[in-house]
Amino acid sequence: MGHRNDPTYLKRDAQVVRERMACLPGFPKAIRLPTMTAGKARRSQPLYQAKEVIARARSFQEKH
């Protein structure tokens, strides 16, 4: 799951996820696939496993 998809489940703007949530302790670690840009090796946009993001979000669900 990339940042573009995280807001769909989390109902947050992609910039909010990237700048305010992904940096928090306990947020799933990013997956960064190598890419080539202009002949140079680069790191791609961070991706996250959907099941890990969903599990993290559900861990904050209020108990009745």
N, C-alpha and C. Protein backbone atom coordinates (compact mmCIF):
# COMPACT_ATOMS: atom_id res chain seq x y z
N MET A 1 0.85 -1.16 0.00
CA MET A 1 0.00 0.00 0.00
C MET A 1 0.90 1.23 0.00
N GLY A 2 0.76 2.07 -0.96
CA GLY A 2 1.53 3.30 -1.01
C GLY A 2 0.78 4.42 -0.31
N HIS A 3 1.43 5.54 -0.16
CA HIS A 3 0.77 6.68 0.48
C HIS A 3 -0.51 7.07 -0.25
N ARG A 4 -0.57 6.87 -1.53
CA ARG A 4 -1.78 7.24 -2.27
C ARG A 4 -2.97 6.41 -1.82
N ASN A 5 -2.75 5.19 -1.34
CA ASN A 5 -3.83 4.33 -0.91
C ASN A 5 -4.10 4.41 0.59
N ASP A 6 -3.10 4.75 1.38
CA ASP A 6 -3.28 4.84 2.83
C ASP A 6 -4.44 5.76 3.19
N PRO A 7 -4.53 6.95 2.59
CA PRO A 7 -5.61 7.86 2.98
C PRO A 7 -6.99 7.29 2.71
N THR A 8 -7.11 6.37 1.73
CA THR A 8 -8.40 5.77 1.44
C THR A 8 -8.92 5.03 2.67
N TYR A 9 -8.09 4.22 3.29
CA TYR A 9 -8.51 3.49 4.48
C TYR A 9 -8.51 4.39 5.70
N LEU A 10 -7.49 5.20 5.84
CA LEU A 10 -7.34 6.05 7.02
C LEU A 10 -8.17 7.33 6.95
N LYS A 11 -8.70 7.63 5.77
CA LYS A 11 -9.50 8.84 5.54
C LYS A 11 -8.72 10.09 5.92
N ARG A 12 -7.48 10.13 5.46
CA ARG A 12 -6.58 11.26 5.69
C ARG A 12 -5.93 11.66 4.38
N ASP A 13 -5.54 12.90 4.26
CA ASP A 13 -4.81 13.38 3.10
C ASP A 13 -3.47 12.68 3.03
N ALA A 14 -2.98 12.39 1.82
CA ALA A 14 -1.71 11.69 1.64
C ALA A 14 -0.57 12.42 2.34
N GLN A 15 -0.58 13.74 2.31
CA GLN A 15 0.48 14.51 2.96
C GLN A 15 0.43 14.33 4.48
N VAL A 16 -0.75 14.25 5.04
CA VAL A 16 -0.90 14.03 6.49
C VAL A 16 -0.34 12.66 6.86
N VAL A 17 -0.66 11.64 6.07
CA VAL A 17 -0.14 10.30 6.34
C VAL A 17 1.38 10.31 6.29
N ARG A 18 1.93 10.92 5.25
CA ARG A 18 3.38 10.94 5.05
C ARG A 18 4.09 11.73 6.14
N GLU A 19 3.58 12.90 6.49
CA GLU A 19 4.30 13.80 7.40
C GLU A 19 3.96 13.63 8.87
N ARG A 20 2.76 13.14 9.18
CA ARG A 20 2.35 13.09 10.58
C ARG A 20 2.09 11.70 11.14
N MET A 21 1.86 10.73 10.27
CA MET A 21 1.52 9.41 10.77
C MET A 21 2.64 8.39 10.53
N ALA A 22 3.20 8.37 9.34
CA ALA A 22 4.22 7.38 8.99
C ALA A 22 5.47 7.51 9.85
N CYS A 23 5.69 8.68 10.42
CA CYS A 23 6.89 8.91 11.23
C CYS A 23 6.70 8.50 12.70
N LEU A 24 5.49 8.13 13.08
CA LEU A 24 5.22 7.77 14.47
C LEU A 24 5.76 6.39 14.81
N PRO A 25 6.19 6.21 16.06
CA PRO A 25 6.63 4.87 16.48
C PRO A 25 5.47 3.89 16.33
N GLY A 26 5.77 2.71 15.85
CA GLY A 26 4.75 1.69 15.69
C GLY A 26 4.07 1.67 14.33
N PHE A 27 4.25 2.75 13.53
CA PHE A 27 3.67 2.72 12.19
C PHE A 27 4.47 1.71 11.39
N PRO A 28 3.83 0.93 10.52
CA PRO A 28 4.56 -0.09 9.76
C PRO A 28 5.77 0.49 9.02
N LYS A 29 6.81 -0.30 8.94
CA LYS A 29 8.01 0.11 8.22
C LYS A 29 7.74 0.16 6.73
N ALA A 30 8.30 1.15 6.08
CA ALA A 30 8.10 1.34 4.64
C ALA A 30 8.86 0.28 3.84
N ILE A 31 8.28 -0.06 2.72
CA ILE A 31 8.93 -0.89 1.72
C ILE A 31 9.36 0.07 0.62
N ARG A 32 10.64 0.08 0.29
CA ARG A 32 11.13 0.99 -0.76
C ARG A 32 11.83 0.16 -1.83
N LEU A 33 11.20 0.10 -2.98
CA LEU A 33 11.75 -0.65 -4.10
C LEU A 33 12.73 0.23 -4.86
N PRO A 34 13.85 -0.32 -5.29
CA PRO A 34 14.81 0.48 -6.04
C PRO A 34 14.25 0.82 -7.43
N THR A 35 14.57 2.00 -7.91
CA THR A 35 14.17 2.42 -9.25
C THR A 35 15.34 3.14 -9.90
N MET A 36 15.23 3.33 -11.20
CA MET A 36 16.24 4.09 -11.94
C MET A 36 15.57 5.36 -12.47
N THR A 37 16.18 6.51 -12.22
CA THR A 37 15.70 7.79 -12.72
C THR A 37 16.88 8.51 -13.33
N ALA A 38 16.75 8.85 -14.60
CA ALA A 38 17.83 9.54 -15.31
C ALA A 38 19.15 8.79 -15.18
N GLY A 39 19.09 7.46 -15.23
CA GLY A 39 20.29 6.64 -15.18
C GLY A 39 20.90 6.49 -13.80
N LYS A 40 20.23 6.98 -12.77
CA LYS A 40 20.75 6.87 -11.40
C LYS A 40 19.79 6.04 -10.55
N ALA A 41 20.36 5.24 -9.67
CA ALA A 41 19.55 4.45 -8.75
C ALA A 41 18.91 5.38 -7.73
N ARG A 42 17.64 5.22 -7.53
CA ARG A 42 16.88 6.04 -6.58
C ARG A 42 16.01 5.13 -5.72
N ARG A 43 15.54 5.68 -4.61
CA ARG A 43 14.57 4.97 -3.78
C ARG A 43 13.18 5.44 -4.17
N SER A 44 12.27 4.51 -4.31
CA SER A 44 10.91 4.85 -4.72
C SER A 44 10.11 5.42 -3.56
N GLN A 45 8.88 5.81 -3.86
CA GLN A 45 7.96 6.26 -2.83
C GLN A 45 7.74 5.14 -1.83
N PRO A 46 7.55 5.45 -0.56
CA PRO A 46 7.33 4.39 0.43
C PRO A 46 6.02 3.66 0.18
N LEU A 47 6.06 2.37 0.34
CA LEU A 47 4.89 1.51 0.22
C LEU A 47 4.67 0.81 1.56
N TYR A 48 3.43 0.47 1.86
CA TYR A 48 3.10 -0.21 3.10
C TYR A 48 2.16 -1.36 2.81
N GLN A 49 2.29 -2.44 3.56
CA GLN A 49 1.37 -3.56 3.42
C GLN A 49 0.04 -3.15 4.04
N ALA A 50 -1.02 -3.29 3.26
CA ALA A 50 -2.35 -2.87 3.70
C ALA A 50 -2.73 -3.53 5.03
N LYS A 51 -2.44 -4.83 5.16
CA LYS A 51 -2.84 -5.53 6.39
C LYS A 51 -2.14 -4.93 7.62
N GLU A 52 -0.91 -4.44 7.46
CA GLU A 52 -0.20 -3.84 8.59
C GLU A 52 -0.79 -2.47 8.96
N VAL A 53 -1.15 -1.69 7.95
CA VAL A 53 -1.75 -0.37 8.21
C VAL A 53 -3.12 -0.54 8.86
N ILE A 54 -3.90 -1.49 8.35
CA ILE A 54 -5.23 -1.75 8.92
C ILE A 54 -5.11 -2.25 10.35
N ALA A 55 -4.18 -3.16 10.62
CA ALA A 55 -3.99 -3.66 11.99
C ALA A 55 -3.59 -2.53 12.94
N ARG A 56 -2.73 -1.65 12.46
CA ARG A 56 -2.31 -0.50 13.29
C ARG A 56 -3.51 0.39 13.60
N ALA A 57 -4.30 0.70 12.59
CA ALA A 57 -5.48 1.56 12.80
C ALA A 57 -6.46 0.91 13.76
N ARG A 58 -6.69 -0.39 13.60
CA ARG A 58 -7.65 -1.10 14.47
C ARG A 58 -7.15 -1.19 15.91
N SER A 59 -5.85 -1.11 16.11
CA SER A 59 -5.33 -1.18 17.48
C SER A 59 -5.75 0.04 18.30
N PHE A 60 -6.21 1.08 17.63
CA PHE A 60 -6.67 2.29 18.33
C PHE A 60 -8.19 2.35 18.46
N GLN A 61 -8.87 1.31 18.00
CA GLN A 61 -10.32 1.30 18.07
C GLN A 61 -10.76 1.29 19.52
N GLU A 62 -11.77 2.12 19.81
CA GLU A 62 -12.27 2.19 21.18
C GLU A 62 -12.97 0.89 21.56
N LYS A 63 -12.76 0.50 22.80
CA LYS A 63 -13.42 -0.70 23.31
C LYS A 63 -14.73 -0.27 23.97
N HIS A 64 -15.78 -1.05 23.79
CA HIS A 64 -17.08 -0.69 24.37
C HIS A 64 -17.24 -1.24 25.74
